[in-house]
Amino acid sequence: MPPAFWERYALALLVTGAALAALYAISLRVRRARDSARAGAGRAIVVEETIGVTPGAYVALLRVAERRLLIGVTSTSVTVLAPLD
């Protein structure tokens, strides 16, 4: 095959590799951002879990600084049910 073919082939491989590397770097950055958001990085209050009790009420587990609180939430009120630490 002529040398021009191999030059184009090498260039296509290089461009494809660069594009894949860029996509991989972007996916890593998105994953890290998502994981840090889940971990509550930099936030004082983090909702760790919620469980629906009725259509208008639920129980939530909050982490506030170093404390964990179990709260009950309805459409008209929020009540601390128990501190868990």
Foldseek 3Di string as FASTA:
>chain_A
DDPVVVVVVVVVVVVVVVVVVVVVVVVVVVVVVVVCVLVVVPHQKDFPDWDDDDPFKIWTWMHGRNWIFIWIDGPVDIGTPDTDD
